[in-house]
């Protein structure tokens, strides 16, 4: 009977020791798992925060409400072209739509303001608008560094919406693309993505 009692006590002690080791091992495994999950959450939150900060450094174009007399555009070989606010093809505070009799192929100038980062780099535009480019006035005494969109007019597209996907690199190296919507031949320019 005494030997049976010793075996039961020995088995009971072993079971308790084994149970203690099992609980410790499971606790350790759970802690490792929880740390990995927490690390992933922290990395996702940091990436999201970096994206939000970078988005704040991104350009944000909108139609210009500022009155002006003319826009300057630097041409080939250092020539400078002047676009008067009174020209029928210049969309701005003075004109909301190009004239109905404007010939195909004339440039449309849409005055913009940048409410975001003033110095985006490597700007690329994808759109169905012909010869579409973003321009900034050159550094001249009478220029103010204004920004404008320039594209070729097509009478068949007058009043039709057009999307522009503008890819860029911000001053801190963040690369992104924003989508804008305009209306062909009208003073409309709105960012739709990100909202």
C-alpha atoms as a PDB file:
ATOM      1  CA  UNK A   1       0.000   0.000   0.000  1.00  0.00           C
ATOM      2  CA  UNK A   2       2.855   2.334   0.791  1.00  0.00           C
ATOM      3  CA  UNK A   3       4.439   1.724  -2.609  1.00  0.00           C
ATOM      4  CA  UNK A   4       1.116   2.477  -4.322  1.00  0.00           C
ATOM      5  CA  UNK A   5       0.906   5.721  -2.350  1.00  0.00           C
ATOM      6  CA  UNK A   6       4.464   6.698  -3.353  1.00  0.00           C
ATOM      7  CA  UNK A   7       3.682   6.027  -7.025  1.00  0.00           C
ATOM      8  CA  UNK A   8       0.464   8.097  -6.801  1.00  0.00           C
ATOM      9  CA  UNK A   9       2.301  10.971  -5.076  1.00  0.00           C
ATOM     10  CA  UNK A  10       5.129  10.709  -7.606  1.00  0.00           C
ATOM     11  CA  UNK A  11       2.631  10.740 -10.497  1.00  0.00           C
ATOM     12  CA  UNK A  12       0.736  13.610  -8.923  1.00  0.00           C
ATOM     13  CA  UNK A  13       3.957  15.646  -8.507  1.00  0.00           C
ATOM     14  CA  UNK A  14       4.950  14.855 -12.105  1.00  0.00           C
ATOM     15  CA  UNK A  15       1.535  15.873 -13.334  1.00  0.00           C
ATOM     16  CA  UNK A  16       1.743  19.182 -11.457  1.00  0.00           C
ATOM     17  CA  UNK A  17       5.266  19.824 -12.757  1.00  0.00           C
ATOM     18  CA  UNK A  18       4.194  18.909 -16.295  1.00  0.00           C
ATOM     19  CA  UNK A  19       1.105  21.111 -15.961  1.00  0.00           C
ATOM     20  CA  UNK A  20       3.287  23.993 -14.757  1.00  0.00           C
ATOM     21  CA  UNK A  21       5.648  23.540 -17.702  1.00  0.00           C
ATOM     22  CA  UNK A  22       2.698  23.313 -20.115  1.00  0.00           C
ATOM     23  CA  UNK A  23       1.105  26.495 -18.729  1.00  0.00           C
ATOM     24  CA  UNK A  24       4.454  28.314 -18.917  1.00  0.00           C
ATOM     25  CA  UNK A  25       5.028  27.135 -22.501  1.00  0.00           C
ATOM     26  CA  UNK A  26       1.517  28.140 -23.574  1.00  0.00           C
ATOM     27  CA  UNK A  27       1.918  31.530 -21.869  1.00  0.00           C
ATOM     28  CA  UNK A  28       5.219  32.058 -23.672  1.00  0.00           C
ATOM     29  CA  UNK A  29       3.707  31.074 -27.048  1.00  0.00           C
ATOM     30  CA  UNK A  30       0.718  33.343 -26.478  1.00  0.00           C
ATOM     31  CA  UNK A  31       3.019  36.241 -25.517  1.00  0.00           C
ATOM     32  CA  UNK A  32       5.082  35.750 -28.682  1.00  0.00           C
ATOM     33  CA  UNK A  33       1.914  35.631 -30.800  1.00  0.00           C
ATOM     34  CA  UNK A  34       0.485  38.731 -29.090  1.00  0.00           C
ATOM     35  CA  UNK A  35       3.760  40.637 -29.593  1.00  0.00           C
ATOM     36  CA  UNK A  36       3.787  39.764 -33.290  1.00  0.00           C
ATOM     37  CA  UNK A  37       0.180  40.886 -33.705  1.00  0.00           C
ATOM     38  CA  UNK A  38       0.943  44.095 -31.798  1.00  0.00           C
ATOM     39  CA  UNK A  39       4.062  44.717 -33.922  1.00  0.00           C
ATOM     40  CA  UNK A  40       2.008  44.294 -37.116  1.00  0.00           C
ATOM     41  CA  UNK A  41      -0.634  46.704 -35.809  1.00  0.00           C
ATOM     42  CA  UNK A  42       2.028  49.228 -34.838  1.00  0.00           C
ATOM     43  CA  UNK A  43       3.691  48.959 -38.271  1.00  0.00           C
ATOM     44  CA  UNK A  44       0.325  49.377 -40.024  1.00  0.00           C
ATOM     45  CA  UNK A  45      -0.483  52.411 -37.858  1.00  0.00           C
ATOM     46  CA  UNK A  46       2.951  53.931 -38.540  1.00  0.00           C
ATOM     47  CA  UNK A  47       2.536  53.343 -42.293  1.00  0.00           C
ATOM     48  CA  UNK A  48      -0.933  54.935 -42.188  1.00  0.00           C
ATOM     49  CA  UNK A  49       0.427  57.914 -40.231  1.00  0.00           C
ATOM     50  CA  UNK A  50       3.273  58.318 -42.751  1.00  0.00           C
ATOM     51  CA  UNK A  51       0.736  58.191 -45.597  1.00  0.00           C
ATOM     52  CA  UNK A  52      -1.409  60.859 -43.905  1.00  0.00           C
ATOM     53  CA  UNK A  53       1.637  63.071 -43.288  1.00  0.00           C
ATOM     54  CA  UNK A  54       2.808  62.608 -46.870  1.00  0.00           C
ATOM     55  CA  UNK A  55      -0.668  63.303 -48.224  1.00  0.00           C
ATOM     56  CA  UNK A  56      -0.524  66.594 -46.324  1.00  0.00           C
ATOM     57  CA  UNK A  57       2.672  67.375 -48.219  1.00  0.00           C
ATOM     58  CA  UNK A  58       1.049  66.535 -51.554  1.00  0.00           C
ATOM     59  CA  UNK A  59      -0.223  69.133 -54.014  1.00  0.00           C
ATOM     60  CA  UNK A  60      -3.922  69.939 -53.871  1.00  0.00           C
ATOM     61  CA  UNK A  61      -5.077  71.743 -57.012  1.00  0.00           C
ATOM     62  CA  UNK A  62      -8.284  73.778 -57.229  1.00  0.00           C
ATOM     63  CA  UNK A  63      -9.663  76.419 -59.628  1.00  0.00           C
ATOM     64  CA  UNK A  64      -8.072  79.801 -58.936  1.00  0.00           C
ATOM     65  CA  UNK A  65     -10.419  82.424 -57.522  1.00  0.00           C
ATOM     66  CA  UNK A  66      -7.659  85.045 -57.510  1.00  0.00           C
ATOM     67  CA  UNK A  67      -8.120  87.861 -60.045  1.00  0.00           C
ATOM     68  CA  UNK A  68      -5.178  88.405 -62.413  1.00  0.00           C
ATOM     69  CA  UNK A  69      -4.509  90.212 -65.665  1.00  0.00           C
ATOM     70  CA  UNK A  70      -2.271  87.679 -67.410  1.00  0.00           C
ATOM     71  CA  UNK A  71      -0.433  84.387 -67.108  1.00  0.00           C
ATOM     72  CA  UNK A  72       3.067  83.854 -68.437  1.00  0.00           C
ATOM     73  CA  UNK A  73       4.224  80.614 -70.026  1.00  0.00           C
ATOM     74  CA  UNK A  74       7.815  79.799 -70.810  1.00  0.00           C
ATOM     75  CA  UNK A  75       8.135  78.407 -74.323  1.00  0.00           C
ATOM     76  CA  UNK A  76      10.880  76.789 -76.304  1.00  0.00           C
ATOM     77  CA  UNK A  77      14.328  78.368 -76.330  1.00  0.00           C
ATOM     78  CA  UNK A  78      13.482  80.766 -73.499  1.00  0.00           C
ATOM     79  CA  UNK A  79      10.589  82.529 -75.235  1.00  0.00           C
ATOM     80  CA  UNK A  80       7.724  83.732 -73.035  1.00  0.00           C
ATOM     81  CA  UNK A  81       4.061  83.653 -74.048  1.00  0.00           C
ATOM     82  CA  UNK A  82       1.472  85.861 -72.368  1.00  0.00           C
ATOM     83  CA  UNK A  83      -2.103  84.624 -71.820  1.00  0.00           C
ATOM     84  CA  UNK A  84      -4.435  87.519 -71.044  1.00  0.00           C
ATOM     85  CA  UNK A  85      -7.358  86.904 -68.687  1.00  0.00           C
ATOM     86  CA  UNK A  86      -9.573  88.501 -71.344  1.00  0.00           C
ATOM     87  CA  UNK A  87      -8.679  85.864 -73.984  1.00  0.00           C
ATOM     88  CA  UNK A  88     -11.591  83.532 -74.764  1.00  0.00           C
ATOM     89  CA  UNK A  89      -9.473  80.442 -74.149  1.00  0.00           C
ATOM     90  CA  UNK A  90      -8.399  81.443 -70.601  1.00  0.00           C
ATOM     91  CA  UNK A  91     -10.718  79.968 -67.961  1.00  0.00           C
ATOM     92  CA  UNK A  92     -10.462  81.873 -64.687  1.00  0.00           C
ATOM     93  CA  UNK A  93     -12.298  84.223 -62.353  1.00  0.00           C
ATOM     94  CA  UNK A  94     -13.396  86.207 -65.433  1.00  0.00           C
ATOM     95  CA  UNK A  95     -14.625  83.367 -67.687  1.00  0.00           C
ATOM     96  CA  UNK A  96     -16.249  80.053 -66.775  1.00  0.00           C
ATOM     97  CA  UNK A  97     -16.607  78.582 -70.294  1.00  0.00           C
ATOM     98  CA  UNK A  98     -14.802  78.947 -73.621  1.00  0.00           C
ATOM     99  CA  UNK A  99     -16.787  80.543 -76.476  1.00  0.00           C
ATOM    100  CA  UNK A 100     -18.926  78.157 -78.567  1.00  0.00           C
ATOM    101  CA  UNK A 101     -17.176  79.220 -81.776  1.00  0.00           C
ATOM    102  CA  UNK A 102     -13.650  78.502 -80.529  1.00  0.00           C
ATOM    103  CA  UNK A 103     -11.781  76.466 -83.187  1.00  0.00           C
ATOM    104  CA  UNK A 104     -10.550  72.920 -82.551  1.00  0.00           C
ATOM    105  CA  UNK A 105      -6.907  72.682 -81.548  1.00  0.00           C
ATOM    106  CA  UNK A 106      -6.695  76.019 -79.720  1.00  0.00           C
ATOM    107  CA  UNK A 107      -5.094  75.773 -76.287  1.00  0.00           C
ATOM    108  CA  UNK A 108      -7.382  75.964 -73.261  1.00  0.00           C
ATOM    109  CA  UNK A 109      -5.795  77.570 -70.195  1.00  0.00           C
ATOM    110  CA  UNK A 110      -7.375  76.732 -66.832  1.00  0.00           C
ATOM    111  CA  UNK A 111      -6.026  78.824 -63.925  1.00  0.00           C
ATOM    112  CA  UNK A 112      -5.357  76.783 -60.766  1.00  0.00           C
ATOM    113  CA  UNK A 113      -4.235  77.266 -57.185  1.00  0.00           C
ATOM    114  CA  UNK A 114      -2.206  74.752 -55.195  1.00  0.00           C
ATOM    115  CA  UNK A 115      -3.435  74.434 -51.593  1.00  0.00           C
ATOM    116  CA  UNK A 116      -0.875  71.737 -50.769  1.00  0.00           C
ATOM    117  CA  UNK A 117       2.863  71.188 -51.146  1.00  0.00           C
ATOM    118  CA  UNK A 118       4.228  73.972 -53.339  1.00  0.00           C
ATOM    119  CA  UNK A 119       7.006  71.871 -54.860  1.00  0.00           C
ATOM    120  CA  UNK A 120       5.843  68.480 -56.162  1.00  0.00           C
ATOM    121  CA  UNK A 121       8.347  66.753 -58.443  1.00  0.00           C
ATOM    122  CA  UNK A 122       8.129  64.382 -61.406  1.00  0.00           C
ATOM    123  CA  UNK A 123       4.547  65.281 -62.258  1.00  0.00           C
ATOM    124  CA  UNK A 124       2.908  63.021 -64.822  1.00  0.00           C
ATOM    125  CA  UNK A 125      -0.652  63.387 -66.153  1.00  0.00           C
ATOM    126  CA  UNK A 126      -2.785  60.598 -67.612  1.00  0.00           C
ATOM    127  CA  UNK A 127      -5.961  61.874 -69.291  1.00  0.00           C
ATOM    128  CA  UNK A 128      -7.949  61.817 -72.502  1.00  0.00           C
ATOM    129  CA  UNK A 129      -7.405  65.593 -72.883  1.00  0.00           C
ATOM    130  CA  UNK A 130      -4.987  66.230 -75.762  1.00  0.00           C
ATOM    131  CA  UNK A 131      -1.524  67.653 -74.991  1.00  0.00           C
ATOM    132  CA  UNK A 132      -2.488  68.180 -71.357  1.00  0.00           C
ATOM    133  CA  UNK A 133       0.242  69.678 -69.142  1.00  0.00           C
ATOM    134  CA  UNK A 134       0.523  71.520 -65.843  1.00  0.00           C
ATOM    135  CA  UNK A 135       2.498  74.740 -66.123  1.00  0.00           C
ATOM    136  CA  UNK A 136       3.846  77.276 -63.668  1.00  0.00           C
ATOM    137  CA  UNK A 137       4.738  80.820 -64.541  1.00  0.00           C
ATOM    138  CA  UNK A 138       8.490  81.384 -64.955  1.00  0.00           C
ATOM    139  CA  UNK A 139      10.419  83.580 -62.562  1.00  0.00           C
ATOM    140  CA  UNK A 140       9.803  86.981 -64.099  1.00  0.00           C
ATOM    141  CA  UNK A 141       9.432  90.382 -62.488  1.00  0.00           C
ATOM    142  CA  UNK A 142       5.760  90.669 -63.490  1.00  0.00           C
ATOM    143  CA  UNK A 143       4.858  86.973 -62.938  1.00  0.00           C
ATOM    144  CA  UNK A 144       3.541  85.549 -59.663  1.00  0.00           C
ATOM    145  CA  UNK A 145       4.350  81.852 -60.018  1.00  0.00           C
ATOM    146  CA  UNK A 146       0.734  80.976 -60.839  1.00  0.00           C
ATOM    147  CA  UNK A 147      -0.150  77.452 -61.936  1.00  0.00           C
ATOM    148  CA  UNK A 148      -2.380  76.516 -64.839  1.00  0.00           C
ATOM    149  CA  UNK A 149      -3.531  73.499 -66.813  1.00  0.00           C
ATOM    150  CA  UNK A 150      -3.142  73.647 -70.587  1.00  0.00           C
ATOM    151  CA  UNK A 151      -4.761  71.302 -73.123  1.00  0.00           C
ATOM    152  CA  UNK A 152      -6.013  71.276 -76.726  1.00  0.00           C
ATOM    153  CA  UNK A 153      -9.654  72.189 -77.297  1.00  0.00           C
ATOM    154  CA  UNK A 154     -11.940  69.708 -79.076  1.00  0.00           C
ATOM    155  CA  UNK A 155     -15.391  71.080 -79.903  1.00  0.00           C
ATOM    156  CA  UNK A 156     -16.913  67.565 -79.974  1.00  0.00           C
ATOM    157  CA  UNK A 157     -15.966  67.159 -76.285  1.00  0.00           C
ATOM    158  CA  UNK A 158     -17.255  70.569 -75.108  1.00  0.00           C
ATOM    159  CA  UNK A 159     -19.052  70.181 -71.762  1.00  0.00           C
ATOM    160  CA  UNK A 160     -18.081  66.513 -71.300  1.00  0.00           C
ATOM    161  CA  UNK A 161     -16.402  65.390 -68.066  1.00  0.00           C
ATOM    162  CA  UNK A 162     -12.777  64.303 -68.194  1.00  0.00           C
ATOM    163  CA  UNK A 163     -10.644  62.585 -65.558  1.00  0.00           C
ATOM    164  CA  UNK A 164      -6.994  63.394 -64.908  1.00  0.00           C
ATOM    165  CA  UNK A 165      -4.724  61.075 -62.951  1.00  0.00           C
ATOM    166  CA  UNK A 166      -1.840  63.194 -61.673  1.00  0.00           C
ATOM    167  CA  UNK A 167       1.170  61.220 -60.398  1.00  0.00           C
ATOM    168  CA  UNK A 168       3.873  63.045 -58.477  1.00  0.00           C
ATOM    169  CA  UNK A 169       6.639  62.796 -55.923  1.00  0.00           C
ATOM    170  CA  UNK A 170       6.460  65.061 -52.874  1.00  0.00           C
ATOM    171  CA  UNK A 171       9.449  66.851 -51.374  1.00  0.00           C
ATOM    172  CA  UNK A 172      10.007  64.007 -48.865  1.00  0.00           C
ATOM    173  CA  UNK A 173      10.089  61.341 -51.612  1.00  0.00           C
ATOM    174  CA  UNK A 174       6.507  60.107 -51.149  1.00  0.00           C
ATOM    175  CA  UNK A 175       5.031  58.960 -54.476  1.00  0.00           C
ATOM    176  CA  UNK A 176       1.328  59.056 -55.068  1.00  0.00           C
ATOM    177  CA  UNK A 177      -1.369  59.687 -57.639  1.00  0.00           C
ATOM    178  CA  UNK A 178      -4.471  61.807 -57.267  1.00  0.00           C
ATOM    179  CA  UNK A 179      -7.493  61.822 -59.550  1.00  0.00           C
ATOM    180  CA  UNK A 180      -9.146  65.067 -60.593  1.00  0.00           C
ATOM    181  CA  UNK A 181     -12.269  65.724 -62.619  1.00  0.00           C
ATOM    182  CA  UNK A 182     -12.751  68.597 -65.045  1.00  0.00           C
ATOM    183  CA  UNK A 183     -15.242  69.464 -67.758  1.00  0.00           C
ATOM    184  CA  UNK A 184     -13.879  70.040 -71.253  1.00  0.00           C
ATOM    185  CA  UNK A 185     -13.844  73.780 -72.007  1.00  0.00           C
ATOM    186  CA  UNK A 186     -15.198  74.810 -68.581  1.00  0.00           C
ATOM    187  CA  UNK A 187     -13.716  76.297 -65.399  1.00  0.00           C
ATOM    188  CA  UNK A 188     -14.052  73.082 -63.370  1.00  0.00           C
ATOM    189  CA  UNK A 189     -11.280  71.221 -61.534  1.00  0.00           C
ATOM    190  CA  UNK A 190     -12.051  69.019 -58.532  1.00  0.00           C
ATOM    191  CA  UNK A 191     -10.047  66.331 -56.741  1.00  0.00           C
ATOM    192  CA  UNK A 192     -12.112  63.149 -56.430  1.00  0.00           C
ATOM    193  CA  UNK A 193      -9.512  60.676 -55.116  1.00  0.00           C
ATOM    194  CA  UNK A 194      -8.469  60.940 -52.376  1.00  0.00           C
ATOM    195  CA  UNK A 195     -11.569  62.886 -51.358  1.00  0.00           C
END
